[in-house]
Amino acid sequence: MRNRFLIEVPWDGKGIFKERVNKFLGIVNIVSPRVYGDTEVHIHDPGRLCEILYPGNKVLLKRVKKERRKTEWRCYSG
């Protein structure tokens, strides 16, 4: 049986979620494609997300390089 996904998210890195600083900002320990350590990431969905964004959860990250951004990464729960 094939794996079925609700949504396919293209990702550039993987990490371990550490904490949510505010509605749109979180701290993730990035471990792939190389170790970046604790890094500020943008949380794409500002909803509660308590059930999926908790310390220790694995997350997927998308690298976004644009001017006027506070962070270089966008976080998706994995």
N, C-alpha and C. Protein backbone atom coordinates (compact mmCIF):
# COMPACT_ATOMS: atom_id res chain seq x y z
N MET A 1 0.83 -1.18 0.00
CA MET A 1 0.00 0.00 0.00
C MET A 1 0.88 1.25 0.00
N ARG A 2 0.54 2.19 -0.83
CA ARG A 2 1.32 3.42 -0.95
C ARG A 2 1.05 4.34 0.23
N ASN A 3 2.07 5.13 0.59
CA ASN A 3 1.88 6.16 1.61
C ASN A 3 1.00 7.26 1.05
N ARG A 4 0.08 7.70 1.83
CA ARG A 4 -0.78 8.81 1.40
C ARG A 4 -0.56 9.98 2.34
N PHE A 5 -0.35 11.13 1.74
CA PHE A 5 -0.09 12.33 2.51
C PHE A 5 -1.24 13.31 2.32
N LEU A 6 -1.55 14.04 3.37
CA LEU A 6 -2.56 15.09 3.25
C LEU A 6 -2.02 16.25 2.43
N ILE A 7 -0.76 16.57 2.64
CA ILE A 7 -0.12 17.65 1.90
C ILE A 7 1.35 17.30 1.75
N GLU A 8 1.89 17.56 0.61
CA GLU A 8 3.31 17.34 0.39
C GLU A 8 4.03 18.67 0.50
N VAL A 9 5.00 18.73 1.39
CA VAL A 9 5.73 19.98 1.64
C VAL A 9 7.16 19.80 1.18
N PRO A 10 7.59 20.59 0.21
CA PRO A 10 9.00 20.52 -0.18
C PRO A 10 9.84 21.10 0.96
N TRP A 11 10.90 20.41 1.36
CA TRP A 11 11.68 20.88 2.50
C TRP A 11 13.16 20.90 2.18
N ASP A 12 13.86 21.75 2.91
CA ASP A 12 15.30 21.91 2.72
C ASP A 12 16.10 21.48 3.95
N GLY A 13 15.42 21.27 5.06
CA GLY A 13 16.12 20.89 6.28
C GLY A 13 15.20 20.21 7.27
N LYS A 14 15.81 19.63 8.28
CA LYS A 14 15.07 18.98 9.36
C LYS A 14 15.59 19.52 10.69
N GLY A 15 14.72 19.51 11.69
CA GLY A 15 15.14 19.98 12.99
C GLY A 15 14.26 19.46 14.10
N ILE A 16 14.61 19.83 15.31
CA ILE A 16 13.86 19.48 16.51
C ILE A 16 13.32 20.78 17.10
N PHE A 17 11.98 20.86 17.24
CA PHE A 17 11.35 22.07 17.77
C PHE A 17 11.71 22.23 19.24
N LYS A 18 12.13 23.44 19.64
CA LYS A 18 12.52 23.71 21.02
C LYS A 18 11.46 24.52 21.76
N GLU A 19 11.06 25.66 21.18
CA GLU A 19 10.08 26.51 21.86
C GLU A 19 9.45 27.50 20.89
N ARG A 20 8.30 27.99 21.30
CA ARG A 20 7.60 29.01 20.52
C ARG A 20 7.78 30.33 21.25
N VAL A 21 8.45 31.28 20.59
CA VAL A 21 8.73 32.56 21.20
C VAL A 21 7.49 33.44 21.20
N ASN A 22 6.81 33.49 20.07
CA ASN A 22 5.56 34.24 19.96
C ASN A 22 4.72 33.60 18.84
N LYS A 23 3.70 34.30 18.41
CA LYS A 23 2.75 33.78 17.43
C LYS A 23 3.41 33.30 16.13
N PHE A 24 4.43 34.01 15.67
CA PHE A 24 5.05 33.71 14.38
C PHE A 24 6.51 33.25 14.47
N LEU A 25 7.09 33.18 15.65
CA LEU A 25 8.51 32.89 15.79
C LEU A 25 8.74 31.71 16.72
N GLY A 26 9.61 30.80 16.28
CA GLY A 26 9.97 29.64 17.10
C GLY A 26 11.47 29.42 17.06
N ILE A 27 11.93 28.57 17.98
CA ILE A 27 13.34 28.18 18.03
C ILE A 27 13.41 26.70 17.67
N VAL A 28 14.25 26.38 16.69
CA VAL A 28 14.42 25.00 16.24
C VAL A 28 15.91 24.66 16.23
N ASN A 29 16.25 23.47 16.71
CA ASN A 29 17.62 22.98 16.61
C ASN A 29 17.73 22.30 15.25
N ILE A 30 18.32 22.99 14.29
CA ILE A 30 18.43 22.48 12.92
C ILE A 30 19.57 21.46 12.85
N VAL A 31 19.25 20.26 12.35
CA VAL A 31 20.25 19.18 12.30
C VAL A 31 20.56 18.71 10.88
N SER A 32 19.80 19.16 9.90
CA SER A 32 20.01 18.74 8.52
C SER A 32 19.63 19.90 7.61
N PRO A 33 20.31 20.19 6.55
CA PRO A 33 21.34 19.44 5.86
C PRO A 33 22.70 19.50 6.55
N ARG A 34 22.89 20.44 7.46
CA ARG A 34 24.07 20.46 8.32
C ARG A 34 23.61 21.00 9.66
N VAL A 35 24.42 20.89 10.67
CA VAL A 35 24.02 21.33 12.01
C VAL A 35 24.16 22.86 12.10
N TYR A 36 23.03 23.53 12.31
CA TYR A 36 23.01 24.97 12.51
C TYR A 36 22.83 25.31 13.98
N GLY A 37 22.38 24.33 14.78
CA GLY A 37 22.10 24.59 16.19
C GLY A 37 20.77 25.31 16.33
N ASP A 38 20.56 25.92 17.49
CA ASP A 38 19.31 26.62 17.76
C ASP A 38 19.19 27.85 16.87
N THR A 39 18.11 27.90 16.09
CA THR A 39 17.92 28.95 15.10
C THR A 39 16.48 29.46 15.16
N GLU A 40 16.30 30.77 15.00
CA GLU A 40 14.95 31.33 14.93
C GLU A 40 14.34 30.98 13.58
N VAL A 41 13.08 30.52 13.61
CA VAL A 41 12.37 30.16 12.38
C VAL A 41 10.99 30.81 12.38
N HIS A 42 10.49 31.07 11.19
CA HIS A 42 9.15 31.61 11.02
C HIS A 42 8.15 30.46 11.11
N ILE A 43 7.10 30.64 11.92
CA ILE A 43 6.03 29.65 12.00
C ILE A 43 4.95 30.09 11.04
N HIS A 44 4.75 29.29 10.00
CA HIS A 44 3.88 29.67 8.89
C HIS A 44 2.43 29.87 9.30
N ASP A 45 1.91 29.01 10.18
CA ASP A 45 0.52 29.10 10.61
C ASP A 45 0.47 29.67 12.02
N PRO A 46 -0.09 30.86 12.21
CA PRO A 46 -0.08 31.47 13.53
C PRO A 46 -1.11 30.90 14.51
N GLY A 47 -1.84 29.86 14.12
CA GLY A 47 -2.83 29.26 15.00
C GLY A 47 -2.20 28.67 16.25
N ARG A 48 -3.00 28.04 17.07
CA ARG A 48 -2.51 27.50 18.34
C ARG A 48 -1.41 26.46 18.14
N LEU A 49 -1.69 25.45 17.33
CA LEU A 49 -0.71 24.42 16.98
C LEU A 49 -0.07 23.72 18.18
N CYS A 50 -0.66 23.80 19.37
CA CYS A 50 -0.09 23.17 20.57
C CYS A 50 0.10 21.67 20.39
N GLU A 51 -0.79 21.06 19.61
CA GLU A 51 -0.76 19.61 19.45
C GLU A 51 0.39 19.13 18.59
N ILE A 52 0.94 19.99 17.74
CA ILE A 52 2.01 19.54 16.85
C ILE A 52 3.32 20.32 17.02
N LEU A 53 3.28 21.51 17.58
CA LEU A 53 4.50 22.26 17.84
C LEU A 53 4.78 22.25 19.34
N TYR A 54 5.45 21.19 19.78
CA TYR A 54 5.81 21.05 21.19
C TYR A 54 7.29 20.69 21.26
N PRO A 55 7.96 21.03 22.35
CA PRO A 55 9.38 20.75 22.47
C PRO A 55 9.70 19.27 22.22
N GLY A 56 10.68 19.02 21.36
CA GLY A 56 11.11 17.67 21.03
C GLY A 56 10.51 17.11 19.76
N ASN A 57 9.49 17.76 19.20
CA ASN A 57 8.86 17.27 17.98
C ASN A 57 9.77 17.53 16.78
N LYS A 58 9.78 16.58 15.83
CA LYS A 58 10.55 16.75 14.60
C LYS A 58 9.78 17.67 13.65
N VAL A 59 10.51 18.57 12.99
CA VAL A 59 9.88 19.50 12.05
C VAL A 59 10.67 19.53 10.75
N LEU A 60 9.97 19.89 9.68
CA LEU A 60 10.59 20.12 8.39
C LEU A 60 10.75 21.62 8.21
N LEU A 61 11.79 22.02 7.50
CA LEU A 61 12.09 23.43 7.32
C LEU A 61 12.28 23.76 5.85
N LYS A 62 11.81 24.89 5.47
CA LYS A 62 11.98 25.41 4.11
C LYS A 62 12.86 26.65 4.20
N ARG A 63 13.93 26.67 3.43
CA ARG A 63 14.83 27.83 3.43
C ARG A 63 14.22 28.90 2.52
N VAL A 64 14.14 30.12 3.04
CA VAL A 64 13.57 31.23 2.29
C VAL A 64 14.55 32.39 2.35
N LYS A 65 15.10 32.74 1.20
CA LYS A 65 16.05 33.85 1.16
C LYS A 65 15.41 35.02 0.44
N LYS A 66 14.92 35.94 1.22
CA LYS A 66 14.35 37.16 0.68
C LYS A 66 14.77 38.32 1.56
N GLU A 67 14.89 39.47 0.97
CA GLU A 67 15.19 40.66 1.77
C GLU A 67 14.01 40.96 2.68
N ARG A 68 14.26 41.66 3.73
CA ARG A 68 13.24 42.13 4.67
C ARG A 68 12.60 41.01 5.47
N ARG A 69 13.26 39.85 5.55
CA ARG A 69 12.78 38.76 6.41
C ARG A 69 13.61 38.74 7.68
N LYS A 70 12.98 38.40 8.78
CA LYS A 70 13.70 38.30 10.04
C LYS A 70 14.38 36.94 10.20
N THR A 71 13.84 35.92 9.53
CA THR A 71 14.41 34.59 9.63
C THR A 71 14.69 34.03 8.23
N GLU A 72 15.57 33.06 8.19
CA GLU A 72 15.95 32.44 6.92
C GLU A 72 15.21 31.12 6.69
N TRP A 73 14.46 30.64 7.72
CA TRP A 73 13.79 29.36 7.65
C TRP A 73 12.32 29.49 7.96
N ARG A 74 11.51 28.63 7.36
CA ARG A 74 10.08 28.51 7.64
C ARG A 74 9.84 27.11 8.17
N CYS A 75 9.04 26.99 9.23
CA CYS A 75 8.85 25.72 9.93
C CYS A 75 7.52 25.06 9.59
N TYR A 76 7.56 23.74 9.37
CA TYR A 76 6.38 22.91 9.18
C TYR A 76 6.52 21.72 10.10
N SER A 77 5.45 21.30 10.73
CA SER A 77 5.53 20.13 11.59
C SER A 77 5.74 18.89 10.74
N GLY A 78 6.56 17.96 11.20
CA GLY A 78 6.90 16.81 10.40
C GLY A 78 6.43 15.50 10.95
